[in-house]
Amino acid sequence: MQNPNHSRALRTCRNRYIPPRPAILTALHRLMEDAEPDLHQVSDLLQRDVSLSAAVLRTVNSAFFGMRGRVSDIRQAVVLLGVQRIANLVSAYELRRAMTGKAAISMERFWDSAQRVAEVCVWVGRSLEPPVPLEDLYATGLFRDCGIPIMALCFTDYLAVLKEANASTEEPLTAFEDRRYETNHSQAGHALAEAWGLPELIGEMALQHHETDYWNGQPERSHRQVMALLLVAERIVDGCQGRPENADWLTNGPHALQELGLNAQAFEALSLEVRERMEPMPA
């Protein structure tokens, strides 16, 4: 099981490349401390940042969120989704905006792929019977690999490690990272989730989503469902991009399908539906 250790390499990444929590998140969390947050105050806070408001509305109105009608303003979004889900969307947008600098990978390509996984995670969760609670699904999908851009900023040779791991069906990416850097993106992602005060589930999934023995640890059912959705969503997106099954899916895919009550035929049907909804993606 992953341990959020404090190796020298992780301390370096944390001190240099994990951005501080944005001021708007600090202000939002302060409003959320009230037993019943004032929705008008939350809306007013978000509306001060036009680009943030626009990004939240784009996400809410995407096909994968399945809203019955178009959400036209932030106040409406806050009322419909609730403060916690809006806070998660704000965190996702602010993380992408905060990750700047010379990196060993294409940040735009990474975030585009992460967003697709997050959207598919929400859509699959909604499609199941009974549906999986959606509160943290989008943010969990987006943040699951948020340690990768941190590693890419911290280590100039990181792309080579990624390529080596992507070619393997034996070990997850974290194993290659541990050998090279004595830390990994799961630990870096967990450190960021803690630094930003994100919901505990998001930090846990960032830390453990590559664990080969996760299913042996008897986690809570709600956490197992989210882990299963992450695996299924990532595999669907990888399949849409023509990527072969990786070590994570070969090891944990059967557990994920069983957890969600999906057989191979149902999984393939979900994959086809996603392909129809999703814009073409570069391989």
Protein backbone atom coordinates (compact mmCIF):
# COMPACT_ATOMS: atom_id res chain seq x y z
CA MET A 1 0.00 0.00 0.00
CA GLN A 2 1.29 3.44 -0.89
CA ASN A 3 2.74 5.44 1.98
CA PRO A 4 2.74 9.26 1.73
CA ASN A 5 6.40 9.35 2.70
CA HIS A 6 8.66 12.33 3.14
CA SER A 7 11.66 11.37 1.02
CA ARG A 8 14.13 14.04 0.01
CA ALA A 9 12.87 13.91 -3.58
CA LEU A 10 9.27 14.39 -2.46
CA ARG A 11 10.24 17.28 -0.20
CA THR A 12 11.99 18.91 -3.17
CA CYS A 13 8.89 18.51 -5.35
CA ARG A 14 6.65 19.81 -2.58
CA ASN A 15 8.78 22.84 -1.76
CA ARG A 16 9.49 23.89 -5.35
CA TYR A 17 6.66 22.70 -7.54
CA ILE A 18 3.48 22.20 -5.51
CA PRO A 19 1.76 25.58 -5.85
CA PRO A 20 0.21 27.19 -2.77
CA ARG A 21 -3.53 27.00 -2.43
CA PRO A 22 -5.05 29.81 -4.51
CA ALA A 23 -6.61 32.70 -2.61
CA ILE A 24 -10.04 32.05 -4.12
CA LEU A 25 -10.01 28.50 -2.73
CA THR A 26 -9.03 29.78 0.70
CA ALA A 27 -11.91 32.26 0.58
CA LEU A 28 -14.31 29.59 -0.67
CA HIS A 29 -13.32 27.14 2.06
CA ARG A 30 -13.85 29.88 4.62
CA LEU A 31 -17.43 30.30 3.41
CA MET A 32 -17.89 26.52 3.50
CA GLU A 33 -17.05 26.43 7.21
CA ASP A 34 -20.60 27.61 7.93
CA ALA A 35 -23.11 24.83 8.56
CA GLU A 36 -25.23 26.29 5.74
CA PRO A 37 -22.97 28.30 3.40
CA ASP A 38 -24.53 31.42 1.92
CA LEU A 39 -25.06 30.54 -1.74
CA HIS A 40 -25.22 34.19 -2.73
CA GLN A 41 -21.81 34.86 -1.17
CA VAL A 42 -20.36 31.81 -2.91
CA SER A 43 -21.76 32.94 -6.25
CA ASP A 44 -20.54 36.50 -5.78
CA LEU A 45 -17.04 35.24 -4.97
CA LEU A 46 -16.83 33.10 -8.11
CA GLN A 47 -18.31 35.73 -10.40
CA ARG A 48 -15.40 38.05 -9.68
CA ASP A 49 -13.20 35.79 -11.83
CA VAL A 50 -14.72 35.77 -15.30
CA SER A 51 -12.45 33.07 -16.75
CA LEU A 52 -13.06 30.81 -13.74
CA SER A 53 -16.83 31.25 -13.98
CA ALA A 54 -16.76 30.48 -17.70
CA ALA A 55 -14.67 27.35 -17.16
CA VAL A 56 -17.02 26.05 -14.46
CA LEU A 57 -20.06 26.61 -16.68
CA ARG A 58 -18.36 24.87 -19.64
CA THR A 59 -17.72 21.84 -17.47
CA VAL A 60 -21.21 21.76 -15.98
CA ASN A 61 -22.78 22.03 -19.45
CA SER A 62 -20.65 19.31 -21.02
CA ALA A 63 -22.50 16.30 -22.39
CA PHE A 64 -21.02 14.03 -19.74
CA PHE A 65 -22.61 15.93 -16.83
CA GLY A 66 -26.05 15.24 -18.28
CA MET A 67 -27.82 18.38 -17.05
CA ARG A 68 -31.44 18.50 -18.21
CA GLY A 69 -31.18 22.11 -19.36
CA ARG A 70 -28.40 24.56 -20.01
CA VAL A 71 -26.93 26.18 -16.89
CA SER A 72 -26.52 29.83 -17.80
CA ASP A 73 -24.93 31.45 -14.75
CA ILE A 74 -22.85 30.65 -11.68
CA ARG A 75 -25.69 31.23 -9.22
CA GLN A 76 -27.74 28.57 -10.98
CA ALA A 77 -24.76 26.18 -11.01
CA VAL A 78 -24.18 26.62 -7.26
CA VAL A 79 -27.85 25.93 -6.51
CA LEU A 80 -28.04 22.86 -8.77
CA LEU A 81 -24.72 21.23 -7.90
CA GLY A 82 -24.15 22.35 -4.32
CA VAL A 83 -21.19 24.17 -2.83
CA GLN A 84 -18.90 21.14 -2.42
CA ARG A 85 -19.16 20.04 -6.05
CA ILE A 86 -18.63 23.63 -7.21
CA ALA A 87 -15.59 23.88 -4.93
CA ASN A 88 -14.19 20.73 -6.52
CA LEU A 89 -14.66 22.21 -10.01
CA VAL A 90 -12.94 25.41 -8.88
CA SER A 91 -10.04 23.36 -7.49
CA ALA A 92 -9.70 21.51 -10.79
CA TYR A 93 -9.60 24.72 -12.81
CA GLU A 94 -7.18 26.44 -10.43
CA LEU A 95 -4.82 23.45 -10.46
CA ARG A 96 -4.56 23.55 -14.24
CA ARG A 97 -3.98 27.30 -14.12
CA ALA A 98 -1.34 27.01 -11.38
CA MET A 99 0.80 24.34 -13.06
CA THR A 100 3.14 26.49 -15.13
CA GLY A 101 6.80 26.39 -16.04
CA LYS A 102 9.12 24.33 -18.20
CA ALA A 103 7.97 20.73 -17.98
CA ALA A 104 9.20 17.43 -19.38
CA ILE A 105 5.76 16.72 -20.88
CA SER A 106 3.07 18.61 -22.77
CA MET A 107 0.90 20.07 -20.01
CA GLU A 108 -1.95 20.83 -22.42
CA ARG A 109 -2.04 17.24 -23.65
CA PHE A 110 -1.93 15.91 -20.09
CA TRP A 111 -4.82 18.08 -18.86
CA ASP A 112 -6.94 17.37 -21.93
CA SER A 113 -6.60 13.65 -21.27
CA ALA A 114 -7.23 14.09 -17.53
CA GLN A 115 -10.38 16.09 -18.24
CA ARG A 116 -11.69 13.37 -20.53
CA VAL A 117 -11.14 10.72 -17.86
CA ALA A 118 -12.94 12.92 -15.31
CA GLU A 119 -15.91 13.44 -17.65
CA VAL A 120 -16.15 9.74 -18.47
CA CYS A 121 -15.92 8.92 -14.76
CA VAL A 122 -18.98 11.10 -14.10
CA TRP A 123 -20.89 9.74 -17.08
CA VAL A 124 -20.27 6.08 -16.22
CA GLY A 125 -21.18 6.77 -12.58
CA ARG A 126 -24.50 8.27 -13.70
CA SER A 127 -25.15 5.38 -16.09
CA LEU A 128 -24.98 2.63 -13.47
CA GLU A 129 -27.96 1.20 -11.61
CA PRO A 130 -28.06 2.43 -8.94
CA PRO A 131 -25.98 5.50 -9.89
CA VAL A 132 -22.79 6.20 -7.94
CA PRO A 133 -22.97 9.45 -5.89
CA LEU A 134 -21.39 12.16 -8.03
CA GLU A 135 -20.18 14.77 -5.52
CA ASP A 136 -16.44 14.16 -5.84
CA LEU A 137 -16.28 12.07 -9.03
CA TYR A 138 -15.21 14.75 -11.51
CA ALA A 139 -12.53 16.22 -9.26
CA THR A 140 -11.30 12.77 -8.26
CA GLY A 141 -10.96 11.82 -11.91
CA LEU A 142 -9.08 15.00 -12.71
CA PHE A 143 -6.82 14.90 -9.65
CA ARG A 144 -6.02 11.19 -9.74
CA ASP A 145 -2.79 11.79 -11.69
CA CYS A 146 -2.18 15.39 -10.62
CA GLY A 147 1.25 14.34 -9.37
CA ILE A 148 2.39 13.71 -12.96
CA PRO A 149 2.75 17.42 -13.89
CA ILE A 150 4.53 17.97 -10.56
CA MET A 151 7.03 15.23 -11.44
CA ALA A 152 7.36 16.64 -14.97
CA LEU A 153 8.26 20.04 -13.55
CA CYS A 154 10.64 18.56 -10.99
CA PHE A 155 12.60 16.07 -13.13
CA THR A 156 13.90 16.92 -16.61
CA ASP A 157 14.18 13.25 -17.66
CA TYR A 158 10.65 12.36 -16.59
CA LEU A 159 9.33 11.82 -20.13
CA ALA A 160 11.73 8.89 -20.58
CA VAL A 161 10.37 7.27 -17.42
CA LEU A 162 6.80 7.76 -18.66
CA LYS A 163 7.60 6.14 -22.00
CA GLU A 164 9.29 3.18 -20.32
CA ALA A 165 6.31 2.66 -18.02
CA ASN A 166 3.78 3.01 -20.86
CA ALA A 167 5.54 0.21 -22.73
CA SER A 168 5.23 -2.16 -19.76
CA THR A 169 2.36 -4.51 -18.94
CA GLU A 170 4.12 -5.82 -15.83
CA GLU A 171 4.40 -2.84 -13.48
CA PRO A 172 2.54 0.44 -12.89
CA LEU A 173 4.13 3.84 -13.48
CA THR A 174 4.79 4.30 -9.76
CA ALA A 175 7.22 1.35 -9.74
CA PHE A 176 9.35 2.97 -12.45
CA GLU A 177 9.24 6.33 -10.66
CA ASP A 178 10.24 4.81 -7.33
CA ARG A 179 13.30 3.16 -8.85
CA ARG A 180 14.42 6.35 -10.57
CA TYR A 181 13.46 9.06 -8.07
CA GLU A 182 12.67 7.34 -4.75
CA THR A 183 9.23 8.96 -4.90
CA ASN A 184 6.32 8.86 -7.31
CA HIS A 185 3.45 10.89 -8.72
CA SER A 186 0.92 9.26 -6.39
CA GLN A 187 2.76 10.59 -3.36
CA ALA A 188 3.20 14.00 -5.02
CA GLY A 189 -0.51 14.13 -5.85
CA HIS A 190 -1.47 13.22 -2.29
CA ALA A 191 0.81 15.97 -0.98
CA LEU A 192 -0.91 18.50 -3.25
CA ALA A 193 -4.38 17.34 -2.16
CA GLU A 194 -3.37 17.85 1.47
CA ALA A 195 -1.80 21.26 0.78
CA TRP A 196 -4.96 22.46 -0.97
CA GLY A 197 -7.38 21.06 1.63
CA LEU A 198 -9.18 18.84 -0.88
CA PRO A 199 -11.70 16.20 0.27
CA GLU A 200 -10.04 13.17 1.83
CA LEU A 201 -11.35 10.86 -0.90
CA ILE A 202 -9.52 12.81 -3.60
CA GLY A 203 -6.22 12.54 -1.74
CA GLU A 204 -6.75 8.85 -1.07
CA MET A 205 -7.47 8.07 -4.72
CA ALA A 206 -4.45 10.10 -5.87
CA LEU A 207 -2.29 8.09 -3.47
CA GLN A 208 -3.66 4.60 -4.09
CA HIS A 209 -5.01 4.40 -7.64
CA HIS A 210 -2.01 2.44 -8.93
CA GLU A 211 -1.96 -0.01 -6.00
CA THR A 212 -1.89 -3.64 -7.11
CA ASP A 213 -3.13 -4.80 -3.68
CA TYR A 214 -5.82 -2.14 -3.20
CA TRP A 215 -8.68 -4.63 -3.37
CA ASN A 216 -7.11 -6.81 -0.66
CA GLY A 217 -7.25 -3.99 1.89
CA GLN A 218 -11.05 -4.12 2.33
CA PRO A 219 -11.68 -0.41 1.66
CA GLU A 220 -15.14 1.12 2.12
CA ARG A 221 -17.62 0.21 -0.61
CA SER A 222 -18.05 3.84 -1.70
CA HIS A 223 -14.27 4.13 -2.10
CA ARG A 224 -14.12 0.85 -4.01
CA GLN A 225 -16.77 2.16 -6.39
CA VAL A 226 -14.82 5.34 -7.06
CA MET A 227 -11.59 3.40 -7.59
CA ALA A 228 -13.42 1.10 -10.00
CA LEU A 229 -14.85 4.06 -11.90
CA LEU A 230 -11.40 5.61 -12.23
CA LEU A 231 -10.01 2.39 -13.70
CA VAL A 232 -12.94 1.93 -16.08
CA ALA A 233 -12.91 5.57 -17.22
CA GLU A 234 -9.16 5.54 -17.83
CA ARG A 235 -9.38 2.30 -19.80
CA ILE A 236 -12.22 3.67 -21.94
CA VAL A 237 -10.28 6.85 -22.72
CA ASP A 238 -7.12 4.86 -23.44
CA GLY A 239 -9.10 2.62 -25.75
CA CYS A 240 -10.50 5.64 -27.60
CA GLN A 241 -6.91 6.77 -28.13
CA GLY A 242 -5.84 3.36 -29.41
CA ARG A 243 -3.67 2.55 -26.40
CA PRO A 244 -3.22 -1.07 -25.33
CA GLU A 245 -4.24 -2.37 -21.91
CA ASN A 246 -1.69 -1.30 -19.29
CA ALA A 247 -0.50 -2.94 -16.08
CA ASP A 248 -3.13 -1.16 -13.98
CA TRP A 249 -5.99 -2.51 -16.08
CA LEU A 250 -4.56 -6.01 -16.47
CA THR A 251 -4.14 -6.27 -12.70
CA ASN A 252 -7.15 -4.38 -11.38
CA GLY A 253 -9.57 -4.22 -14.31
CA PRO A 254 -11.38 -7.47 -13.41
CA HIS A 255 -11.86 -6.20 -9.83
CA ALA A 256 -13.22 -2.90 -11.15
CA LEU A 257 -15.73 -4.55 -13.49
CA GLN A 258 -16.90 -6.90 -10.75
CA GLU A 259 -17.30 -4.00 -8.30
CA LEU A 260 -19.50 -2.10 -10.76
CA GLY A 261 -21.46 -5.18 -11.84
CA LEU A 262 -20.24 -4.98 -15.43
CA ASN A 263 -19.47 -7.94 -17.65
CA ALA A 264 -17.29 -7.68 -20.76
CA GLN A 265 -20.29 -7.04 -23.01
CA ALA A 266 -21.64 -4.22 -20.81
CA PHE A 267 -18.19 -2.64 -20.60
CA GLU A 268 -17.84 -2.69 -24.38
CA ALA A 269 -21.29 -1.11 -24.75
CA LEU A 270 -20.27 1.70 -22.38
CA SER A 271 -17.07 2.21 -24.35
CA LEU A 272 -19.00 2.53 -27.61
CA GLU A 273 -21.39 5.08 -26.07
CA VAL A 274 -18.48 7.18 -24.86
CA ARG A 275 -16.84 7.10 -28.30
CA GLU A 276 -20.06 8.46 -29.79
CA ARG A 277 -20.22 11.31 -27.27
CA MET A 278 -16.56 12.22 -27.21
CA GLU A 279 -14.76 14.44 -29.69
CA PRO A 280 -11.90 12.71 -31.55
CA MET A 281 -8.71 12.56 -29.53
CA PRO A 282 -5.12 12.43 -30.73
CA ALA A 283 -3.36 9.17 -30.08
